[in-house]
Amino acid sequence: MRPIFRASAGGLAVLALAMTAQAETVKIAEVKTTAAGALYIADARGYFAAEGIEPKFIDFDSPGPVPLAVVSGSADIGSTGVSAELYSLAKQGVVKIIAGQAHEAKGYQVNAFLVSNAASAAGLKRFDQLAGHTVAISQIGSPVHYAASQVALKNGVAPERLRFLPLQSNSNIISAVTGGTADAGVVPVNVSAAALARGDMKLLGFVGDQVQWQSSAVFIAPKTGSDRGDMVRRFLVALRRGLVDFHAAFSAPDGTRRDGPTAPAILAILVKWTGLTEAQVRAGIPYVDPQARLDFASMADQLDWFIQQKMLKGPVTVDDVIDRRFARGLPDD
């Protein structure tokens, strides 16, 4: 029996080498955050390899360059927060959204609304007191710009009554709020946890507890969908397997936030891939749809708002920005 075992093992080794040699390299542009966690899970657990894909991750420090990497061809697939820029490029037909990633949802502490100690001492304690204050964000038209505006609207404050201060990076936002040059700021909680723990600023609340929306997505150039459609479909199979694992680790069957039995293993993967501590990762877990479905209703609201704010030239519909060959909506869409 032993010679047969050796022959089988040898055959498996040859097969594994053959699969590796035939794997298709796919360049994925992203920002190393928990929102992209399903991609890291799919790689770590061999889901991409099982689909004949060898992912090559291209990391950026902020969301802005990610769509441009796809447009230029330096990346095959992009994953980042939805923004006026992404929608504008999609309207122009140079990128198309094919799947969902993270969602802001109640109980999921992803983006935090922070307040400077000086502004807090002066009375800024609630969202309905934001009028007239300076709010630091990464960029005009960015996901956090949209989120901050929606939080203000929900609490009876017109976004026009806020003074948005675009500072390009999360570290700049934290410095501005800590130093008091901005009254408030919106950043991922996992990058602000240390400053909060030191008492450098105050937490006003979490975006997801105030407004729920489709906050990040996966996209491609239309030519990639036409010329490499089989690859895109295999990529999505692997992505969905990663999302299933992510959802099972951090969400109850009814969608509420909770750690399941597999949470420690998934946390370990996210810590390794993001370079964050376990506490930072745990603090910034988003909700994900395990089937990578998009919230078309939320996207339509975003498009309308960006058009109203003259950040996007209308009319633009959801069908203008997605690729129906690949994109799936939630059951009600």
Protein backbone atom coordinates (compact mmCIF):
# COMPACT_ATOMS: atom_id res chain seq x y z
CA MET A 1 0.00 0.00 0.00
CA ARG A 2 2.86 2.38 0.74
CA PRO A 3 4.09 2.65 -2.92
CA ILE A 4 0.51 3.48 -4.01
CA PHE A 5 0.35 6.27 -1.41
CA ARG A 6 3.63 7.70 -2.63
CA ALA A 7 2.44 7.65 -6.21
CA SER A 8 -0.79 9.40 -5.23
CA ALA A 9 1.06 12.04 -3.25
CA GLY A 10 3.40 12.59 -6.16
CA GLY A 11 0.48 12.93 -8.51
CA LEU A 12 -1.16 15.49 -6.23
CA ALA A 13 2.07 17.46 -6.07
CA VAL A 14 2.32 17.52 -9.84
CA LEU A 15 -1.34 18.59 -10.07
CA ALA A 16 -0.77 21.39 -7.52
CA LEU A 17 2.24 22.63 -9.46
CA ALA A 18 0.26 22.56 -12.67
CA MET A 19 -2.57 24.54 -11.09
CA THR A 20 -0.08 27.11 -9.78
CA ALA A 21 1.54 27.43 -13.19
CA GLN A 22 -1.85 27.96 -14.85
CA ALA A 23 -3.17 30.43 -12.27
CA GLU A 24 -4.27 33.74 -13.76
CA THR A 25 -2.76 36.79 -12.11
CA VAL A 26 -5.40 39.34 -11.13
CA LYS A 27 -4.31 42.76 -9.88
CA ILE A 28 -6.64 44.07 -7.15
CA ALA A 29 -6.43 47.71 -6.04
CA GLU A 30 -7.69 48.37 -2.52
CA VAL A 31 -7.15 50.18 0.76
CA LYS A 32 -6.05 47.94 3.62
CA THR A 33 -9.11 48.17 5.85
CA THR A 34 -11.58 45.74 7.35
CA ALA A 35 -14.05 46.74 4.60
CA ALA A 36 -11.90 44.75 2.17
CA GLY A 37 -11.61 41.83 4.61
CA ALA A 38 -13.38 39.28 2.38
CA LEU A 39 -10.61 39.67 -0.19
CA TYR A 40 -7.96 38.79 2.38
CA ILE A 41 -10.01 35.84 3.64
CA ALA A 42 -10.46 34.55 0.09
CA ASP A 43 -6.71 34.65 -0.44
CA ALA A 44 -5.70 33.24 2.95
CA ARG A 45 -8.15 30.34 2.70
CA GLY A 46 -7.29 29.42 -0.88
CA TYR A 47 -10.60 30.46 -2.44
CA PHE A 48 -8.87 32.44 -5.19
CA ALA A 49 -6.46 29.57 -5.83
CA ALA A 50 -9.40 27.17 -6.13
CA GLU A 51 -10.74 29.39 -8.93
CA GLY A 52 -7.40 29.49 -10.74
CA ILE A 53 -6.66 33.06 -9.64
CA GLU A 54 -3.43 34.39 -8.18
CA PRO A 55 -4.31 37.78 -6.64
CA LYS A 56 -1.79 40.57 -6.61
CA PHE A 57 -2.89 43.27 -4.17
CA ILE A 58 -2.05 46.89 -4.89
CA ASP A 59 -2.40 48.88 -1.67
CA PHE A 60 -3.31 52.56 -1.47
CA ASP A 61 -3.44 54.86 1.57
CA SER A 62 -6.76 56.44 0.58
CA PRO A 63 -9.76 55.55 -1.62
CA GLY A 64 -9.22 58.20 -4.32
CA PRO A 65 -6.49 56.49 -6.38
CA VAL A 66 -8.24 53.09 -6.47
CA PRO A 67 -10.71 53.81 -9.32
CA LEU A 68 -7.96 55.56 -11.28
CA ALA A 69 -5.80 52.44 -11.05
CA VAL A 70 -8.60 50.45 -12.71
CA VAL A 71 -9.13 53.12 -15.36
CA SER A 72 -5.42 53.21 -16.20
CA GLY A 73 -5.19 49.42 -16.42
CA SER A 74 -2.64 49.14 -13.62
CA ALA A 75 -5.30 47.15 -11.72
CA ASP A 76 -7.88 44.69 -13.03
CA ILE A 77 -10.32 45.06 -10.14
CA GLY A 78 -10.87 47.78 -7.57
CA SER A 79 -12.40 47.69 -4.10
CA THR A 80 -13.04 50.82 -2.09
CA GLY A 81 -15.67 53.20 -0.74
CA VAL A 82 -18.29 54.57 -3.12
CA SER A 83 -17.83 58.24 -3.93
CA ALA A 84 -18.80 61.00 -6.35
CA GLU A 85 -15.58 60.27 -8.26
CA LEU A 86 -16.35 56.56 -8.61
CA TYR A 87 -19.89 57.27 -9.77
CA SER A 88 -18.66 59.90 -12.23
CA LEU A 89 -16.19 57.45 -13.77
CA ALA A 90 -18.92 54.82 -13.93
CA LYS A 91 -21.28 57.28 -15.65
CA GLN A 92 -18.53 57.96 -18.19
CA GLY A 93 -18.33 54.22 -18.84
CA VAL A 94 -14.70 53.73 -17.83
CA VAL A 95 -15.55 51.63 -14.75
CA LYS A 96 -18.60 49.63 -13.68
CA ILE A 97 -19.62 48.38 -10.24
CA ILE A 98 -20.04 44.59 -10.06
CA ALA A 99 -20.47 43.69 -6.38
CA GLY A 100 -20.98 45.01 -2.86
CA GLN A 101 -18.49 44.99 -0.02
CA ALA A 102 -19.13 46.84 3.25
CA HIS A 103 -22.37 48.40 4.48
CA GLU A 104 -22.90 50.88 7.31
CA ALA A 105 -25.44 49.23 9.61
CA LYS A 106 -26.72 49.60 13.17
CA GLY A 107 -24.47 47.98 15.72
CA TYR A 108 -21.48 47.88 13.36
CA GLN A 109 -18.95 50.44 14.49
CA VAL A 110 -17.06 51.35 11.33
CA ASN A 111 -16.80 55.12 10.84
CA ALA A 112 -16.73 57.28 13.95
CA PHE A 113 -17.88 60.88 14.35
CA LEU A 114 -15.24 62.48 16.58
CA VAL A 115 -15.30 65.81 18.41
CA SER A 116 -12.38 67.89 19.65
CA ASN A 117 -12.06 68.32 23.38
CA ALA A 118 -12.44 72.08 22.96
CA ALA A 119 -15.66 71.79 20.95
CA SER A 120 -17.03 69.24 23.40
CA ALA A 121 -16.27 71.53 26.34
CA ALA A 122 -18.02 74.35 24.46
CA GLY A 123 -21.20 72.26 24.23
CA LEU A 124 -20.98 70.05 21.13
CA LYS A 125 -22.44 66.90 22.65
CA ARG A 126 -25.08 65.79 20.13
CA PHE A 127 -25.46 65.48 16.37
CA ASP A 128 -28.24 68.07 16.30
CA GLN A 129 -25.71 70.65 17.57
CA LEU A 130 -23.39 70.35 14.53
CA ALA A 131 -24.64 73.45 12.73
CA GLY A 132 -21.89 76.05 12.29
CA HIS A 133 -19.08 73.66 13.15
CA THR A 134 -16.07 72.60 11.10
CA VAL A 135 -16.03 68.91 10.14
CA ALA A 136 -12.81 67.34 8.85
CA ILE A 137 -13.17 64.73 6.08
CA SER A 138 -10.81 63.10 3.61
CA GLN A 139 -12.15 64.66 0.40
CA ILE A 140 -15.19 66.49 -0.93
CA GLY A 141 -17.43 63.84 -2.50
CA SER A 142 -15.81 61.03 -0.49
CA PRO A 143 -17.74 58.31 1.33
CA VAL A 144 -17.29 60.07 4.68
CA HIS A 145 -18.46 63.37 3.18
CA TYR A 146 -21.68 61.68 2.12
CA ALA A 147 -22.00 59.87 5.47
CA ALA A 148 -21.43 63.01 7.54
CA SER A 149 -24.01 64.91 5.49
CA GLN A 150 -26.61 62.16 5.93
CA VAL A 151 -26.02 62.05 9.68
CA ALA A 152 -26.48 65.82 9.84
CA LEU A 153 -29.68 65.65 7.77
CA LYS A 154 -31.12 62.94 9.97
CA ASN A 155 -30.57 65.15 12.99
CA GLY A 156 -32.17 68.23 11.45
CA VAL A 157 -28.99 69.99 10.36
CA ALA A 158 -28.64 71.00 6.70
CA PRO A 159 -25.19 69.98 5.36
CA GLU A 160 -24.81 73.57 4.10
CA ARG A 161 -24.58 74.64 7.74
CA LEU A 162 -21.44 72.53 8.24
CA ARG A 163 -17.99 73.73 7.18
CA PHE A 164 -16.34 70.71 5.59
CA LEU A 165 -12.55 70.67 5.73
CA PRO A 166 -11.00 68.19 3.22
CA LEU A 167 -7.67 66.98 4.63
CA GLN A 168 -6.86 64.03 2.31
CA SER A 169 -5.89 61.44 4.95
CA ASN A 170 -7.18 59.92 8.17
CA SER A 171 -4.03 60.91 10.05
CA ASN A 172 -4.56 64.55 9.05
CA ILE A 173 -8.18 64.41 10.24
CA ILE A 174 -7.16 62.98 13.62
CA SER A 175 -4.45 65.64 13.99
CA ALA A 176 -6.93 68.41 13.15
CA VAL A 177 -9.51 67.19 15.67
CA THR A 178 -6.87 66.55 18.33
CA GLY A 179 -5.34 69.98 17.81
CA GLY A 180 -8.69 71.75 17.69
CA THR A 181 -8.35 73.14 14.14
CA ALA A 182 -11.48 71.12 13.33
CA ASP A 183 -14.42 70.85 15.69
CA ALA A 184 -15.28 67.35 14.47
CA GLY A 185 -14.12 64.70 12.03
CA VAL A 186 -15.22 61.42 10.49
CA VAL A 187 -12.72 58.55 10.29
CA PRO A 188 -12.70 54.75 10.61
CA VAL A 189 -12.85 53.89 14.28
CA ASN A 190 -9.97 51.44 14.03
CA VAL A 191 -7.53 54.25 13.16
CA SER A 192 -8.88 56.60 15.83
CA ALA A 193 -9.05 54.10 18.71
CA ALA A 194 -5.66 55.03 20.15
CA ALA A 195 -6.39 58.77 20.19
CA LEU A 196 -9.77 58.13 21.82
CA ALA A 197 -8.18 55.89 24.45
CA ARG A 198 -5.69 58.65 25.29
CA GLY A 199 -8.51 61.15 25.71
CA ASP A 200 -7.28 63.31 22.81
CA MET A 201 -10.85 63.68 21.52
CA LYS A 202 -14.42 62.62 22.27
CA LEU A 203 -16.67 60.15 20.47
CA LEU A 204 -19.94 61.69 19.28
CA GLY A 205 -21.24 58.42 17.82
CA PHE A 206 -21.01 55.95 14.95
CA VAL A 207 -22.27 56.59 11.44
CA GLY A 208 -23.90 53.16 11.15
CA ASP A 209 -26.07 53.77 14.20
CA GLN A 210 -27.40 56.93 12.55
CA VAL A 211 -27.67 56.06 8.85
CA GLN A 212 -27.45 52.77 6.95
CA TRP A 213 -26.05 52.67 3.43
CA GLN A 214 -23.95 50.78 0.86
CA SER A 215 -20.52 52.17 1.69
CA SER A 216 -18.07 50.23 -0.49
CA ALA A 217 -18.09 48.24 -3.69
CA VAL A 218 -16.07 46.23 -6.21
CA PHE A 219 -15.65 47.47 -9.77
CA ILE A 220 -13.93 46.75 -13.08
CA ALA A 221 -13.33 48.38 -16.44
CA PRO A 222 -16.10 47.34 -18.87
CA LYS A 223 -13.47 45.93 -21.24
CA THR A 224 -12.35 43.55 -18.49
CA GLY A 225 -15.90 42.26 -18.20
CA SER A 226 -16.04 41.69 -21.96
CA ASP A 227 -12.57 40.26 -22.51
CA ARG A 228 -12.10 38.42 -19.21
CA GLY A 229 -15.67 37.70 -18.13
CA ASP A 230 -14.84 34.17 -17.03
CA MET A 231 -12.13 35.50 -14.73
CA VAL A 232 -14.54 38.07 -13.26
CA ARG A 233 -17.09 35.34 -12.52
CA ARG A 234 -14.45 33.16 -10.87
CA PHE A 235 -13.24 36.14 -8.87
CA LEU A 236 -16.79 36.72 -7.62
CA VAL A 237 -17.15 33.07 -6.61
CA ALA A 238 -14.05 33.42 -4.43
CA LEU A 239 -15.14 36.82 -3.09
CA ARG A 240 -18.53 35.45 -2.06
CA ARG A 241 -16.88 32.57 -0.20
CA GLY A 242 -14.80 35.16 1.68
CA LEU A 243 -17.91 37.20 2.43
CA VAL A 244 -19.73 34.11 3.72
CA ASP A 245 -16.87 33.48 6.16
CA PHE A 246 -16.77 37.16 7.18
CA HIS A 247 -20.53 37.27 7.76
CA ALA A 248 -20.56 34.00 9.73
CA ALA A 249 -17.75 35.25 11.98
CA PHE A 250 -19.27 38.61 12.90
CA SER A 251 -23.02 38.56 12.20
CA ALA A 252 -25.93 36.64 13.68
CA PRO A 253 -28.44 35.00 11.29
CA ASP A 254 -30.71 38.06 11.66
CA GLY A 255 -27.87 40.39 10.63
CA THR A 256 -27.12 41.85 14.05
CA ARG A 257 -23.52 42.18 15.21
CA ARG A 258 -22.08 39.30 17.20
CA ASP A 259 -18.92 37.21 17.27
CA GLY A 260 -19.48 33.63 16.17
CA PRO A 261 -17.30 30.57 16.81
CA THR A 262 -15.11 31.32 13.78
CA ALA A 263 -14.43 34.95 14.78
CA PRO A 264 -10.94 34.30 16.28
CA ALA A 265 -9.71 32.62 13.10
CA ILE A 266 -11.08 35.37 10.86
CA LEU A 267 -9.73 38.08 13.17
CA ALA A 268 -6.27 36.52 12.86
CA ILE A 269 -6.47 36.74 9.05
CA LEU A 270 -7.59 40.38 9.16
CA VAL A 271 -4.86 41.31 11.64
CA LYS A 272 -2.21 39.75 9.41
CA TRP A 273 -3.43 41.39 6.21
CA THR A 274 -4.31 44.87 7.48
CA GLY A 275 -1.38 45.30 9.86
CA LEU A 276 -3.77 46.50 12.56
CA THR A 277 -3.96 45.14 16.08
CA GLU A 278 -6.72 42.73 17.03
CA ALA A 279 -8.37 45.46 19.10
CA GLN A 280 -8.30 47.85 16.13
CA VAL A 281 -9.75 45.25 13.78
CA ARG A 282 -12.46 44.24 16.22
CA ALA A 283 -13.41 47.91 16.67
CA GLY A 284 -14.06 48.40 12.95
CA ILE A 285 -16.06 45.41 11.70
CA PRO A 286 -18.54 46.38 8.96
CA TYR A 287 -21.67 44.54 7.91
CA VAL A 288 -21.25 42.54 4.70
CA ASP A 289 -23.82 40.81 2.54
CA PRO A 290 -22.60 37.20 2.15
CA GLN A 291 -23.72 37.14 -1.48
CA ALA A 292 -21.94 40.38 -2.45
CA ARG A 293 -25.28 41.94 -3.33
CA LEU A 294 -25.62 45.68 -3.81
CA ASP A 295 -28.20 47.89 -2.13
CA PHE A 296 -29.57 49.55 -5.26
CA ALA A 297 -31.98 51.76 -3.29
CA SER A 298 -29.10 53.14 -1.21
CA MET A 299 -27.04 53.70 -4.36
CA ALA A 300 -29.92 55.61 -5.98
CA ASP A 301 -30.13 57.88 -2.91
CA GLN A 302 -26.38 58.51 -3.10
CA LEU A 303 -26.56 59.37 -6.80
CA ASP A 304 -29.40 61.82 -6.17
CA TRP A 305 -27.50 63.51 -3.35
CA PHE A 306 -24.26 63.86 -5.31
CA ILE A 307 -26.24 65.36 -8.21
CA GLN A 308 -28.02 67.80 -5.87
CA GLN A 309 -24.65 68.86 -4.46
CA LYS A 310 -23.32 69.38 -8.02
CA MET A 311 -20.57 66.81 -7.46
CA LEU A 312 -22.04 64.62 -10.18
CA LYS A 313 -23.61 65.72 -13.45
CA GLY A 314 -27.03 64.15 -13.89
CA PRO A 315 -29.14 62.44 -14.73
CA VAL A 316 -27.51 59.24 -13.48
CA THR A 317 -29.30 56.00 -12.61
CA VAL A 318 -28.10 52.84 -10.92
CA ASP A 319 -28.09 51.10 -14.31
CA ASP A 320 -25.62 53.73 -15.54
CA VAL A 321 -23.04 52.73 -12.91
CA ILE A 322 -23.36 48.94 -12.56
CA ASP A 323 -22.62 46.02 -14.88
CA ARG A 324 -25.74 43.87 -14.99
CA ARG A 325 -23.72 40.92 -16.26
CA PHE A 326 -22.28 40.55 -12.77
CA ALA A 327 -24.05 42.84 -10.26
CA ARG A 328 -26.83 41.48 -8.06
CA GLY A 329 -29.24 43.51 -5.95
CA LEU A 330 -30.86 42.79 -2.61
CA PRO A 331 -34.20 40.92 -2.76
CA ASP A 332 -36.27 44.12 -2.63
CA ASP A 333 -34.32 45.80 -5.48
